[in-house]
């Protein structure tokens, strides 16, 4: 699932007329890069959630066949945030673990390196990277392959492998996926893998220009 529903307010004025996933990066819309990463890893059944200017994304990508994938859209009348958006799309995601990818990141991460399922008793397996220079604070501290606390050591990459069971006791409506991550962390069941290659989110005009 590609999370593409956000308004991209920090990227205005670019996002006043164009949804963030369609902004061009290195000559192609960002979301086209993301589709190619997923396809290369053999992930060809893709759900994309939509809200802000979502019709531009459906018009551009269609059913995905031009990109060698199959796309299903999850439309949000009201913005449901990351957690609520995934929960609303669960009927299209099935009962097995699935990959999620934030629609505003660019990376050289190899999606083939993800496990087929979160390890052991973990309902979520997230990808993290050492805190980059453009971030004044990190998200978590990690020990071995588990997230152990909130901290400044690493930043969440917006890439994860989730089991639907993660959402069993989640709230209705809009909520952040981080709420579920924090709950899993407190129980000691938030798994992580460290990635040290190129990664950036595209949150501001300066970040877009730099990339």
N, C-alpha and C. Protein backbone atom coordinates (compact mmCIF):
# COMPACT_ATOMS: atom_id res chain seq x y z
N UNK A 1 0.84 -1.18 0.00
CA UNK A 1 0.00 0.00 0.00
C UNK A 1 0.89 1.24 0.00
N UNK A 2 0.59 2.18 -0.91
CA UNK A 2 1.25 3.47 -0.94
C UNK A 2 0.32 4.49 -0.31
N UNK A 3 0.82 5.18 0.72
CA UNK A 3 0.01 6.17 1.42
C UNK A 3 0.15 7.51 0.70
N UNK A 4 -0.90 7.89 -0.02
CA UNK A 4 -0.82 9.04 -0.92
C UNK A 4 -1.93 10.05 -0.71
N UNK A 5 -2.58 10.02 0.45
CA UNK A 5 -3.77 10.84 0.66
C UNK A 5 -3.48 12.22 1.24
N UNK A 6 -2.29 12.45 1.77
CA UNK A 6 -2.01 13.68 2.50
C UNK A 6 -2.07 14.93 1.65
N UNK A 7 -2.23 16.07 2.32
CA UNK A 7 -2.36 17.35 1.63
C UNK A 7 -1.01 17.96 1.25
N UNK A 8 0.06 17.55 1.89
CA UNK A 8 1.37 18.11 1.57
C UNK A 8 1.46 19.60 1.84
N UNK A 9 0.91 20.02 2.99
CA UNK A 9 0.83 21.47 3.26
C UNK A 9 2.19 22.14 3.33
N UNK A 10 3.21 21.45 3.81
CA UNK A 10 4.54 22.08 3.94
C UNK A 10 5.20 22.28 2.57
N UNK A 11 4.65 21.64 1.54
CA UNK A 11 5.22 21.78 0.20
C UNK A 11 4.48 22.81 -0.65
N UNK A 12 3.57 23.54 -0.04
CA UNK A 12 2.93 24.60 -0.80
C UNK A 12 3.96 25.65 -1.20
N UNK A 13 3.84 26.25 -2.39
CA UNK A 13 2.66 26.21 -3.27
C UNK A 13 2.63 25.05 -4.25
N UNK A 14 3.68 24.19 -4.28
CA UNK A 14 3.69 23.08 -5.24
C UNK A 14 2.45 22.21 -5.14
N UNK A 15 1.99 21.97 -3.93
CA UNK A 15 0.89 21.03 -3.74
C UNK A 15 -0.49 21.69 -3.76
N UNK A 16 -0.55 22.96 -4.08
CA UNK A 16 -1.86 23.59 -4.22
C UNK A 16 -2.62 23.00 -5.40
N UNK A 17 -1.88 22.64 -6.44
CA UNK A 17 -2.52 22.13 -7.65
C UNK A 17 -2.07 20.72 -8.03
N UNK A 18 -1.08 20.21 -7.34
CA UNK A 18 -0.53 18.89 -7.67
C UNK A 18 -0.37 18.07 -6.40
N UNK A 19 -0.90 16.85 -6.35
CA UNK A 19 -0.67 16.02 -5.15
C UNK A 19 0.80 15.66 -5.04
N UNK A 20 1.28 15.58 -3.83
CA UNK A 20 2.72 15.36 -3.61
C UNK A 20 3.28 14.15 -4.37
N UNK A 21 2.58 13.01 -4.43
CA UNK A 21 3.15 11.87 -5.14
C UNK A 21 3.37 12.09 -6.64
N UNK A 22 2.75 13.13 -7.21
CA UNK A 22 2.94 13.41 -8.63
C UNK A 22 3.98 14.49 -8.90
N UNK A 23 4.58 15.05 -7.85
CA UNK A 23 5.67 16.00 -8.06
C UNK A 23 6.86 15.28 -8.70
N UNK A 24 7.51 15.94 -9.65
CA UNK A 24 8.59 15.29 -10.37
C UNK A 24 9.88 15.26 -9.57
N UNK A 25 10.50 14.10 -9.56
CA UNK A 25 11.81 13.88 -8.95
C UNK A 25 12.69 13.21 -10.00
N UNK A 26 13.76 13.89 -10.39
CA UNK A 26 14.68 13.32 -11.38
C UNK A 26 13.94 12.91 -12.66
N UNK A 27 13.04 13.79 -13.09
CA UNK A 27 12.40 13.60 -14.39
C UNK A 27 11.16 12.73 -14.42
N UNK A 28 10.74 12.20 -13.26
CA UNK A 28 9.55 11.35 -13.22
C UNK A 28 8.74 11.69 -11.97
N UNK A 29 7.41 11.53 -12.03
CA UNK A 29 6.63 11.69 -10.81
C UNK A 29 7.13 10.73 -9.73
N UNK A 30 7.17 11.20 -8.50
CA UNK A 30 7.69 10.40 -7.39
C UNK A 30 7.02 9.04 -7.32
N UNK A 31 5.71 8.99 -7.49
CA UNK A 31 5.01 7.72 -7.32
C UNK A 31 5.39 6.71 -8.40
N UNK A 32 5.84 7.17 -9.57
CA UNK A 32 6.31 6.24 -10.59
C UNK A 32 7.60 5.56 -10.13
N UNK A 33 8.49 6.31 -9.50
CA UNK A 33 9.68 5.69 -8.92
C UNK A 33 9.27 4.60 -7.92
N UNK A 34 8.29 4.92 -7.07
CA UNK A 34 7.88 3.98 -6.03
C UNK A 34 7.28 2.71 -6.63
N UNK A 35 6.47 2.85 -7.66
CA UNK A 35 5.91 1.67 -8.33
C UNK A 35 7.02 0.80 -8.91
N UNK A 36 8.05 1.42 -9.44
CA UNK A 36 9.16 0.63 -10.02
C UNK A 36 9.93 -0.11 -8.94
N UNK A 37 10.11 0.52 -7.76
CA UNK A 37 10.78 -0.19 -6.65
C UNK A 37 10.00 -1.43 -6.24
N UNK A 38 8.68 -1.26 -6.11
CA UNK A 38 7.85 -2.37 -5.67
C UNK A 38 7.82 -3.48 -6.71
N UNK A 39 7.66 -3.10 -7.97
CA UNK A 39 7.63 -4.10 -9.04
C UNK A 39 8.93 -4.90 -9.08
N UNK A 40 10.06 -4.20 -8.91
CA UNK A 40 11.36 -4.88 -8.93
C UNK A 40 11.44 -5.94 -7.84
N UNK A 41 10.75 -5.71 -6.72
CA UNK A 41 10.75 -6.67 -5.61
C UNK A 41 9.64 -7.72 -5.76
N UNK A 42 8.92 -7.70 -6.88
CA UNK A 42 7.87 -8.68 -7.10
C UNK A 42 6.54 -8.32 -6.46
N UNK A 43 6.40 -7.08 -6.00
CA UNK A 43 5.14 -6.62 -5.40
C UNK A 43 4.35 -5.90 -6.50
N UNK A 44 3.32 -6.55 -7.02
CA UNK A 44 2.60 -6.00 -8.16
C UNK A 44 1.13 -5.73 -7.87
N UNK A 45 0.60 -6.18 -6.75
CA UNK A 45 -0.77 -5.84 -6.34
C UNK A 45 -0.68 -4.71 -5.33
N UNK A 46 -1.15 -3.54 -5.72
CA UNK A 46 -0.88 -2.33 -4.95
C UNK A 46 -2.18 -1.57 -4.66
N UNK A 47 -2.34 -1.15 -3.41
CA UNK A 47 -3.44 -0.30 -2.98
C UNK A 47 -2.88 1.11 -2.76
N UNK A 48 -3.58 2.11 -3.27
CA UNK A 48 -3.18 3.50 -3.06
C UNK A 48 -4.37 4.24 -2.45
N UNK A 49 -4.15 4.89 -1.29
CA UNK A 49 -5.25 5.67 -0.73
C UNK A 49 -5.18 7.10 -1.25
N UNK A 50 -6.34 7.72 -1.38
CA UNK A 50 -6.47 9.02 -2.04
C UNK A 50 -7.33 9.96 -1.23
N UNK A 51 -6.97 11.24 -1.26
CA UNK A 51 -7.83 12.29 -0.72
C UNK A 51 -7.54 13.60 -1.46
N UNK A 52 -6.46 14.27 -1.11
CA UNK A 52 -6.15 15.57 -1.70
C UNK A 52 -5.80 15.42 -3.19
N UNK A 53 -6.63 16.00 -4.07
CA UNK A 53 -6.40 15.96 -5.52
C UNK A 53 -6.19 14.53 -6.03
N UNK A 54 -6.88 13.59 -5.39
CA UNK A 54 -6.68 12.19 -5.72
C UNK A 54 -7.03 11.82 -7.13
N UNK A 55 -7.97 12.55 -7.74
CA UNK A 55 -8.37 12.22 -9.10
C UNK A 55 -7.21 12.39 -10.08
N UNK A 56 -6.25 13.26 -9.76
CA UNK A 56 -5.08 13.39 -10.62
C UNK A 56 -4.24 12.12 -10.62
N UNK A 57 -4.17 11.46 -9.47
CA UNK A 57 -3.40 10.22 -9.37
C UNK A 57 -4.08 9.11 -10.14
N UNK A 58 -5.40 8.98 -10.01
CA UNK A 58 -6.10 7.93 -10.75
C UNK A 58 -6.01 8.17 -12.25
N UNK A 59 -6.10 9.43 -12.67
CA UNK A 59 -5.99 9.74 -14.09
C UNK A 59 -4.60 9.40 -14.62
N UNK A 60 -3.57 9.68 -13.82
CA UNK A 60 -2.20 9.46 -14.26
C UNK A 60 -1.83 7.98 -14.29
N UNK A 61 -2.27 7.23 -13.28
CA UNK A 61 -1.82 5.84 -13.15
C UNK A 61 -2.83 4.83 -13.67
N UNK A 62 -4.13 5.19 -13.69
CA UNK A 62 -5.15 4.24 -14.11
C UNK A 62 -5.12 2.98 -13.28
N UNK A 63 -5.26 1.84 -13.95
CA UNK A 63 -5.26 0.56 -13.22
C UNK A 63 -3.86 0.01 -13.01
N UNK A 64 -2.84 0.73 -13.44
CA UNK A 64 -1.46 0.34 -13.21
C UNK A 64 -0.83 -0.50 -14.29
N UNK A 65 -1.61 -0.94 -15.26
CA UNK A 65 -1.05 -1.87 -16.25
C UNK A 65 0.11 -1.26 -17.04
N UNK A 66 0.05 0.04 -17.28
CA UNK A 66 1.14 0.69 -18.01
C UNK A 66 2.46 0.62 -17.25
N UNK A 67 2.38 0.37 -15.94
CA UNK A 67 3.57 0.28 -15.10
C UNK A 67 3.85 -1.16 -14.66
N UNK A 68 3.11 -2.10 -15.21
CA UNK A 68 3.33 -3.51 -14.90
C UNK A 68 2.82 -3.94 -13.55
N UNK A 69 1.83 -3.20 -12.99
CA UNK A 69 1.27 -3.54 -11.69
C UNK A 69 -0.26 -3.47 -11.77
N UNK A 70 -0.90 -3.93 -10.71
CA UNK A 70 -2.36 -3.85 -10.59
C UNK A 70 -2.69 -2.94 -9.42
N UNK A 71 -3.39 -1.84 -9.69
CA UNK A 71 -3.67 -0.85 -8.66
C UNK A 71 -5.15 -0.84 -8.30
N UNK A 72 -5.41 -0.84 -6.99
CA UNK A 72 -6.75 -0.63 -6.44
C UNK A 72 -6.69 0.63 -5.59
N UNK A 73 -7.71 1.47 -5.68
CA UNK A 73 -7.70 2.73 -4.94
C UNK A 73 -8.64 2.67 -3.74
N UNK A 74 -8.20 3.30 -2.66
CA UNK A 74 -9.01 3.44 -1.44
C UNK A 74 -9.24 4.93 -1.24
N UNK A 75 -10.43 5.39 -1.54
CA UNK A 75 -10.74 6.82 -1.50
C UNK A 75 -11.25 7.22 -0.12
N UNK A 76 -10.74 8.32 0.38
CA UNK A 76 -11.13 8.82 1.70
C UNK A 76 -11.89 10.13 1.55
N UNK A 77 -13.17 10.09 1.89
CA UNK A 77 -13.97 11.32 1.83
C UNK A 77 -13.44 12.35 2.82
N UNK A 78 -13.08 11.88 4.01
CA UNK A 78 -12.39 12.69 5.00
C UNK A 78 -11.03 12.06 5.23
N UNK A 79 -10.02 12.91 5.41
CA UNK A 79 -8.67 12.41 5.59
C UNK A 79 -8.58 11.58 6.86
N UNK A 80 -8.09 10.35 6.75
CA UNK A 80 -8.10 9.39 7.86
C UNK A 80 -6.73 9.24 8.53
N UNK A 81 -5.75 10.01 8.11
CA UNK A 81 -4.38 9.89 8.61
C UNK A 81 -3.82 8.52 8.24
N UNK A 82 -2.60 8.25 8.68
CA UNK A 82 -1.93 7.03 8.23
C UNK A 82 -2.59 5.76 8.74
N UNK A 83 -2.88 5.73 10.03
CA UNK A 83 -3.47 4.52 10.60
C UNK A 83 -4.88 4.27 10.11
N UNK A 84 -5.71 5.34 10.14
CA UNK A 84 -7.09 5.20 9.69
C UNK A 84 -7.18 4.86 8.22
N UNK A 85 -6.26 5.42 7.42
CA UNK A 85 -6.26 5.13 5.99
C UNK A 85 -5.94 3.68 5.70
N UNK A 86 -4.97 3.11 6.42
CA UNK A 86 -4.64 1.70 6.23
C UNK A 86 -5.80 0.83 6.70
N UNK A 87 -6.36 1.16 7.86
CA UNK A 87 -7.47 0.36 8.37
C UNK A 87 -8.64 0.33 7.40
N UNK A 88 -8.95 1.48 6.78
CA UNK A 88 -10.04 1.53 5.82
C UNK A 88 -9.77 0.67 4.59
N UNK A 89 -8.49 0.48 4.28
CA UNK A 89 -8.11 -0.29 3.09
C UNK A 89 -7.90 -1.77 3.37
N UNK A 90 -8.04 -2.21 4.62
CA UNK A 90 -7.77 -3.62 4.95
C UNK A 90 -8.57 -4.61 4.11
N UNK A 91 -9.84 -4.34 3.75
CA UNK A 91 -10.54 -5.30 2.90
C UNK A 91 -9.84 -5.56 1.56
N UNK A 92 -9.10 -4.59 1.07
CA UNK A 92 -8.36 -4.77 -0.18
C UNK A 92 -6.97 -5.35 0.04
N UNK A 93 -6.49 -5.33 1.28
CA UNK A 93 -5.13 -5.77 1.58
C UNK A 93 -5.05 -7.24 1.97
N UNK A 94 -6.18 -7.83 2.36
CA UNK A 94 -6.19 -9.26 2.66
C UNK A 94 -5.80 -9.57 4.09
N UNK A 95 -5.57 -10.84 4.36
CA UNK A 95 -5.34 -11.31 5.73
C UNK A 95 -3.88 -11.62 6.02
N UNK A 96 -3.02 -11.48 5.04
CA UNK A 96 -1.61 -11.77 5.23
C UNK A 96 -0.82 -10.47 5.40
N UNK A 97 0.43 -10.54 5.87
CA UNK A 97 1.25 -9.34 6.02
C UNK A 97 1.40 -8.60 4.69
N UNK A 98 1.45 -7.28 4.78
CA UNK A 98 1.55 -6.45 3.58
C UNK A 98 2.56 -5.33 3.83
N UNK A 99 3.11 -4.82 2.75
CA UNK A 99 4.09 -3.73 2.80
C UNK A 99 3.37 -2.40 2.71
N UNK A 100 3.81 -1.42 3.48
CA UNK A 100 3.34 -0.05 3.30
C UNK A 100 4.52 0.85 2.98
N UNK A 101 4.21 1.93 2.26
CA UNK A 101 5.23 2.87 1.81
C UNK A 101 4.62 4.26 1.80
N UNK A 102 5.21 5.19 2.54
CA UNK A 102 4.74 6.56 2.50
C UNK A 102 4.93 7.15 1.11
N UNK A 103 3.93 7.88 0.63
CA UNK A 103 3.98 8.41 -0.72
C UNK A 103 4.87 9.63 -0.90
N UNK A 104 5.65 9.99 0.13
CA UNK A 104 6.49 11.19 0.03
C UNK A 104 7.96 10.89 0.28
N UNK A 105 8.41 9.66 0.02
CA UNK A 105 9.81 9.33 0.27
C UNK A 105 10.51 8.90 -1.02
N UNK A 106 11.81 9.14 -1.04
CA UNK A 106 12.68 8.66 -2.11
C UNK A 106 13.84 7.94 -1.45
N UNK A 107 14.20 6.77 -1.99
CA UNK A 107 15.19 5.93 -1.32
C UNK A 107 15.80 4.93 -2.29
N UNK A 108 16.95 4.40 -1.91
CA UNK A 108 17.54 3.28 -2.64
C UNK A 108 17.32 1.96 -1.90
N UNK A 109 16.43 1.97 -0.91
CA UNK A 109 16.14 0.75 -0.15
C UNK A 109 15.68 -0.36 -1.08
N UNK A 110 16.18 -1.58 -0.82
CA UNK A 110 15.81 -2.77 -1.60
C UNK A 110 14.63 -3.45 -0.91
N UNK A 111 13.46 -3.36 -1.51
CA UNK A 111 12.27 -3.95 -0.89
C UNK A 111 12.34 -5.47 -0.84
N UNK A 112 13.24 -6.07 -1.63
CA UNK A 112 13.47 -7.51 -1.54
C UNK A 112 14.06 -7.91 -0.19
N UNK A 113 14.65 -6.94 0.51
CA UNK A 113 15.30 -7.26 1.79
C UNK A 113 14.30 -7.39 2.94
N UNK A 114 13.06 -7.04 2.71
CA UNK A 114 12.05 -7.22 3.76
C UNK A 114 11.75 -8.70 3.94
N UNK A 115 11.49 -9.13 5.17
CA UNK A 115 11.08 -10.52 5.38
C UNK A 115 9.68 -10.76 4.82
N UNK A 116 9.29 -12.01 4.70
CA UNK A 116 7.95 -12.31 4.19
C UNK A 116 6.87 -12.01 5.22
N UNK A 117 7.26 -11.98 6.48
CA UNK A 117 6.32 -11.66 7.56
C UNK A 117 7.10 -11.04 8.70
N UNK A 118 6.45 -10.23 9.54
CA UNK A 118 7.14 -9.73 10.73
C UNK A 118 7.65 -10.90 11.57
N UNK A 119 8.82 -10.81 12.14
CA UNK A 119 9.40 -11.95 12.85
C UNK A 119 8.73 -12.22 14.19
N UNK A 120 8.79 -13.48 14.59
CA UNK A 120 8.36 -13.92 15.91
C UNK A 120 6.95 -13.44 16.24
N UNK A 121 6.81 -12.75 17.37
CA UNK A 121 5.50 -12.35 17.85
C UNK A 121 5.15 -10.91 17.45
N UNK A 122 5.89 -10.33 16.53
CA UNK A 122 5.71 -8.92 16.20
C UNK A 122 4.60 -8.73 15.16
N UNK A 123 3.68 -7.78 15.40
CA UNK A 123 2.68 -7.46 14.39
C UNK A 123 3.17 -6.45 13.37
N UNK A 124 4.35 -5.84 13.61
CA UNK A 124 4.88 -4.82 12.72
C UNK A 124 6.40 -4.90 12.66
N UNK A 125 6.93 -4.72 11.45
CA UNK A 125 8.37 -4.70 11.20
C UNK A 125 8.65 -3.44 10.41
N UNK A 126 9.42 -2.50 10.98
CA UNK A 126 9.62 -1.21 10.34
C UNK A 126 11.07 -1.03 9.89
N UNK A 127 11.24 -0.19 8.88
CA UNK A 127 12.58 0.14 8.39
C UNK A 127 12.98 1.49 8.98
N UNK A 128 14.18 1.56 9.53
CA UNK A 128 14.69 2.79 10.14
C UNK A 128 16.06 3.11 9.56
N UNK A 129 16.45 4.38 9.68
CA UNK A 129 17.74 4.81 9.20
C UNK A 129 18.38 5.73 10.24
N UNK A 130 19.72 5.75 10.33
CA UNK A 130 20.36 6.69 11.26
C UNK A 130 19.86 8.11 11.00
N UNK A 131 19.64 8.86 12.05
CA UNK A 131 19.05 10.19 11.91
C UNK A 131 19.87 11.05 10.95
N UNK A 132 19.25 11.48 9.83
CA UNK A 132 19.98 12.29 8.85
C UNK A 132 20.17 13.72 9.33
N UNK A 133 21.06 14.44 8.66
CA UNK A 133 21.42 15.79 9.09
C UNK A 133 20.25 16.75 8.99
N UNK A 134 19.31 16.49 8.07
CA UNK A 134 18.20 17.43 7.91
C UNK A 134 17.11 17.23 8.96
N UNK A 135 17.27 16.26 9.84
CA UNK A 135 16.33 16.05 10.93
C UNK A 135 16.95 16.49 12.24
N UNK A 136 16.29 17.39 12.95
CA UNK A 136 16.82 17.87 14.23
C UNK A 136 16.60 16.85 15.34
N UNK A 137 15.63 15.97 15.15
CA UNK A 137 15.33 14.93 16.14
C UNK A 137 15.06 13.61 15.43
N UNK A 138 15.29 12.52 16.16
CA UNK A 138 14.96 11.21 15.63
C UNK A 138 13.60 10.75 16.11
N UNK A 139 13.32 9.48 15.86
CA UNK A 139 12.04 8.89 16.24
C UNK A 139 12.18 7.82 17.33
N UNK A 140 13.21 6.98 17.19
CA UNK A 140 13.31 5.81 18.06
C UNK A 140 14.76 5.51 18.43
N UNK A 141 14.91 4.68 19.45
CA UNK A 141 16.16 4.00 19.75
C UNK A 141 15.95 2.52 19.46
N UNK A 142 16.98 1.89 18.93
CA UNK A 142 16.87 0.49 18.53
C UNK A 142 17.98 -0.33 19.19
N UNK A 143 17.63 -1.54 19.55
CA UNK A 143 18.61 -2.48 20.12
C UNK A 143 18.45 -3.81 19.41
N UNK A 144 19.53 -4.26 18.78
CA UNK A 144 19.48 -5.47 17.94
C UNK A 144 18.42 -5.25 16.86
N UNK A 145 17.33 -5.98 16.90
CA UNK A 145 16.30 -5.86 15.87
C UNK A 145 14.95 -5.44 16.46
N UNK A 146 15.00 -4.77 17.62
CA UNK A 146 13.76 -4.31 18.25
C UNK A 146 13.84 -2.82 18.57
N UNK A 147 12.73 -2.12 18.39
CA UNK A 147 12.61 -0.75 18.84
C UNK A 147 12.37 -0.79 20.35
N UNK A 148 13.19 -0.08 21.11
CA UNK A 148 13.10 -0.17 22.56
C UNK A 148 12.56 1.10 23.22
N UNK A 149 12.59 2.23 22.50
CA UNK A 149 12.14 3.48 23.12
C UNK A 149 12.02 4.56 22.05
N UNK A 150 11.29 5.62 22.39
CA UNK A 150 11.36 6.83 21.57
C UNK A 150 12.71 7.47 21.82
N UNK A 151 13.32 8.00 20.77
CA UNK A 151 14.64 8.59 20.95
C UNK A 151 15.15 9.23 19.67
N UNK A 152 16.41 9.60 19.68
CA UNK A 152 17.00 10.33 18.56
C UNK A 152 17.95 9.50 17.71
N UNK A 153 18.06 8.22 18.00
CA UNK A 153 19.06 7.40 17.32
C UNK A 153 18.71 7.18 15.84
N UNK A 154 17.47 6.83 15.56
CA UNK A 154 17.07 6.49 14.19
C UNK A 154 15.77 7.19 13.83
N UNK A 155 15.52 7.26 12.53
CA UNK A 155 14.30 7.84 11.98
C UNK A 155 13.52 6.75 11.25
N UNK A 156 12.22 6.75 11.43
CA UNK A 156 11.36 5.81 10.71
C UNK A 156 11.32 6.20 9.24
N UNK A 157 11.54 5.25 8.35
CA UNK A 157 11.66 5.53 6.92
C UNK A 157 10.32 5.61 6.19
N UNK A 158 9.21 5.34 6.87
CA UNK A 158 7.94 5.31 6.17
C UNK A 158 7.78 4.05 5.35
N UNK A 159 8.51 3.01 5.71
CA UNK A 159 8.43 1.69 5.06
C UNK A 159 8.24 0.66 6.16
N UNK A 160 7.28 -0.23 5.97
CA UNK A 160 7.03 -1.24 7.01
C UNK A 160 6.35 -2.46 6.41
N UNK A 161 6.45 -3.54 7.14
CA UNK A 161 5.71 -4.77 6.84
C UNK A 161 4.77 -4.99 8.02
N UNK A 162 3.47 -4.96 7.75
CA UNK A 162 2.47 -5.01 8.81
C UNK A 162 1.60 -6.25 8.69
N UNK A 163 1.23 -6.80 9.83
CA UNK A 163 0.23 -7.86 9.86
C UNK A 163 -1.11 -7.22 10.21
N UNK A 164 -2.21 -7.63 9.56
CA UNK A 164 -3.52 -7.03 9.87
C UNK A 164 -3.89 -7.08 11.35
N UNK A 165 -3.32 -8.02 12.10
CA UNK A 165 -3.64 -8.12 13.52
C UNK A 165 -3.26 -6.85 14.26
N UNK A 166 -2.32 -6.06 13.72
CA UNK A 166 -1.92 -4.80 14.35
C UNK A 166 -3.12 -3.88 14.55
N UNK A 167 -4.13 -4.02 13.71
CA UNK A 167 -5.26 -3.08 13.73
C UNK A 167 -6.48 -3.61 14.49
N UNK A 168 -6.34 -4.77 15.14
CA UNK A 168 -7.50 -5.39 15.78
C UNK A 168 -8.15 -4.50 16.84
N UNK A 169 -7.38 -3.80 17.61
CA UNK A 169 -7.93 -2.96 18.68
C UNK A 169 -7.74 -1.47 18.40
N UNK A 170 -7.56 -1.13 17.16
CA UNK A 170 -7.32 0.27 16.79
C UNK A 170 -8.62 1.06 16.80
N UNK A 171 -8.53 2.39 16.94
CA UNK A 171 -9.73 3.22 16.99
C UNK A 171 -10.42 3.32 15.63
N UNK A 172 -11.63 3.83 15.63
CA UNK A 172 -12.35 4.10 14.40
C UNK A 172 -11.98 5.50 13.91
N UNK A 173 -12.17 5.73 12.62
CA UNK A 173 -11.94 7.06 12.08
C UNK A 173 -10.46 7.36 11.90
N UNK A 174 -10.12 8.63 12.01
CA UNK A 174 -8.76 9.08 11.74
C UNK A 174 -7.84 8.84 12.94
N UNK A 175 -6.67 8.27 12.70
CA UNK A 175 -5.66 8.13 13.73
C UNK A 175 -4.31 7.87 13.07
N UNK A 176 -3.24 8.16 13.79
CA UNK A 176 -1.90 7.98 13.27
C UNK A 176 -1.41 6.54 13.49
N UNK A 177 -0.74 6.02 12.48
CA UNK A 177 -0.12 4.70 12.61
C UNK A 177 0.89 4.67 13.75
N UNK A 178 1.49 5.81 14.04
CA UNK A 178 2.48 5.86 15.12
C UNK A 178 1.88 5.44 16.46
N UNK A 179 0.59 5.69 16.65
CA UNK A 179 -0.06 5.25 17.88
C UNK A 179 0.08 3.75 18.07
N UNK A 180 -0.13 3.01 16.99
CA UNK A 180 -0.01 1.55 17.05
C UNK A 180 1.44 1.13 17.21
N UNK A 181 2.36 1.85 16.57
CA UNK A 181 3.78 1.54 16.74
C UNK A 181 4.21 1.74 18.20
N UNK A 182 3.77 2.84 18.80
CA UNK A 182 4.15 3.10 20.19
C UNK A 182 3.61 2.01 21.11
N UNK A 183 2.37 1.57 20.87
CA UNK A 183 1.80 0.50 21.69
C UNK A 183 2.58 -0.79 21.53
N UNK A 184 2.96 -1.11 20.29
CA UNK A 184 3.76 -2.32 20.06
C UNK A 184 5.14 -2.20 20.71
N UNK A 185 5.72 -1.01 20.64
CA UNK A 185 7.02 -0.77 21.27
C UNK A 185 6.96 -1.02 22.77
N UNK A 186 5.90 -0.51 23.41
CA UNK A 186 5.75 -0.70 24.86
C UNK A 186 5.65 -2.17 25.22
N UNK A 187 5.10 -2.99 24.34
CA UNK A 187 4.99 -4.43 24.59
C UNK A 187 6.24 -5.19 24.15
N UNK A 188 7.20 -4.47 23.55
CA UNK A 188 8.43 -5.11 23.11
C UNK A 188 8.29 -5.92 21.85
N UNK A 189 7.28 -5.58 21.02
CA UNK A 189 7.01 -6.39 19.82
C UNK A 189 7.04 -5.55 18.55
N UNK A 190 7.84 -4.49 18.54
CA UNK A 190 8.02 -3.69 17.34
C UNK A 190 9.39 -4.01 16.76
N UNK A 191 9.41 -4.76 15.68
CA UNK A 191 10.65 -5.21 15.05
C UNK A 191 11.15 -4.15 14.08
N UNK A 192 12.47 -4.14 13.84
CA UNK A 192 13.05 -3.13 12.96
C UNK A 192 14.25 -3.69 12.21
N UNK A 193 14.49 -3.11 11.03
CA UNK A 193 15.75 -3.36 10.33
C UNK A 193 16.36 -2.01 9.97
N UNK A 194 17.69 -1.94 10.05
CA UNK A 194 18.42 -0.70 9.85
C UNK A 194 18.86 -0.59 8.40
N UNK A 195 18.58 0.55 7.79
CA UNK A 195 18.99 0.84 6.41
C UNK A 195 19.88 2.07 6.43
N UNK A 196 21.03 1.99 5.77
CA UNK A 196 21.99 3.11 5.82
C UNK A 196 22.25 3.75 4.47
N UNK A 197 21.42 3.44 3.46
CA UNK A 197 21.60 4.02 2.15
C UNK A 197 20.86 5.34 1.99
N UNK A 198 20.63 5.74 0.74
CA UNK A 198 19.95 7.00 0.44
C UNK A 198 18.49 6.93 0.87
N UNK A 199 18.09 7.88 1.69
CA UNK A 199 16.68 8.00 2.08
C UNK A 199 16.40 9.46 2.40
N UNK A 200 15.27 9.94 1.91
CA UNK A 200 14.79 11.26 2.32
C UNK A 200 13.28 11.30 2.18
N UNK A 201 12.64 12.00 3.09
CA UNK A 201 11.26 12.34 2.83
C UNK A 201 11.28 13.68 2.09
N UNK A 202 10.16 14.01 1.47
CA UNK A 202 10.09 15.24 0.68
C UNK A 202 9.01 16.09 1.32
N UNK A 203 9.39 16.78 2.40
CA UNK A 203 8.43 17.52 3.18
C UNK A 203 8.39 19.00 2.90
N UNK A 204 9.47 19.53 2.31
CA UNK A 204 9.55 20.96 2.09
C UNK A 204 10.08 21.24 0.67
N UNK A 205 9.86 22.45 0.15
CA UNK A 205 10.42 22.79 -1.15
C UNK A 205 11.94 22.63 -1.19
N UNK A 206 12.64 22.95 -0.13
CA UNK A 206 14.09 22.81 -0.10
C UNK A 206 14.51 21.35 -0.26
N UNK A 207 13.78 20.44 0.41
CA UNK A 207 14.11 19.01 0.28
C UNK A 207 13.87 18.52 -1.14
N UNK A 208 12.80 18.99 -1.75
CA UNK A 208 12.51 18.60 -3.13
C UNK A 208 13.61 19.10 -4.06
N UNK A 209 14.02 20.34 -3.88
CA UNK A 209 15.07 20.92 -4.72
C UNK A 209 16.40 20.17 -4.51
N UNK A 210 16.73 19.86 -3.28
CA UNK A 210 17.98 19.16 -2.99
C UNK A 210 18.00 17.79 -3.64
N UNK A 211 16.88 17.09 -3.61
CA UNK A 211 16.82 15.76 -4.20
C UNK A 211 16.94 15.84 -5.71
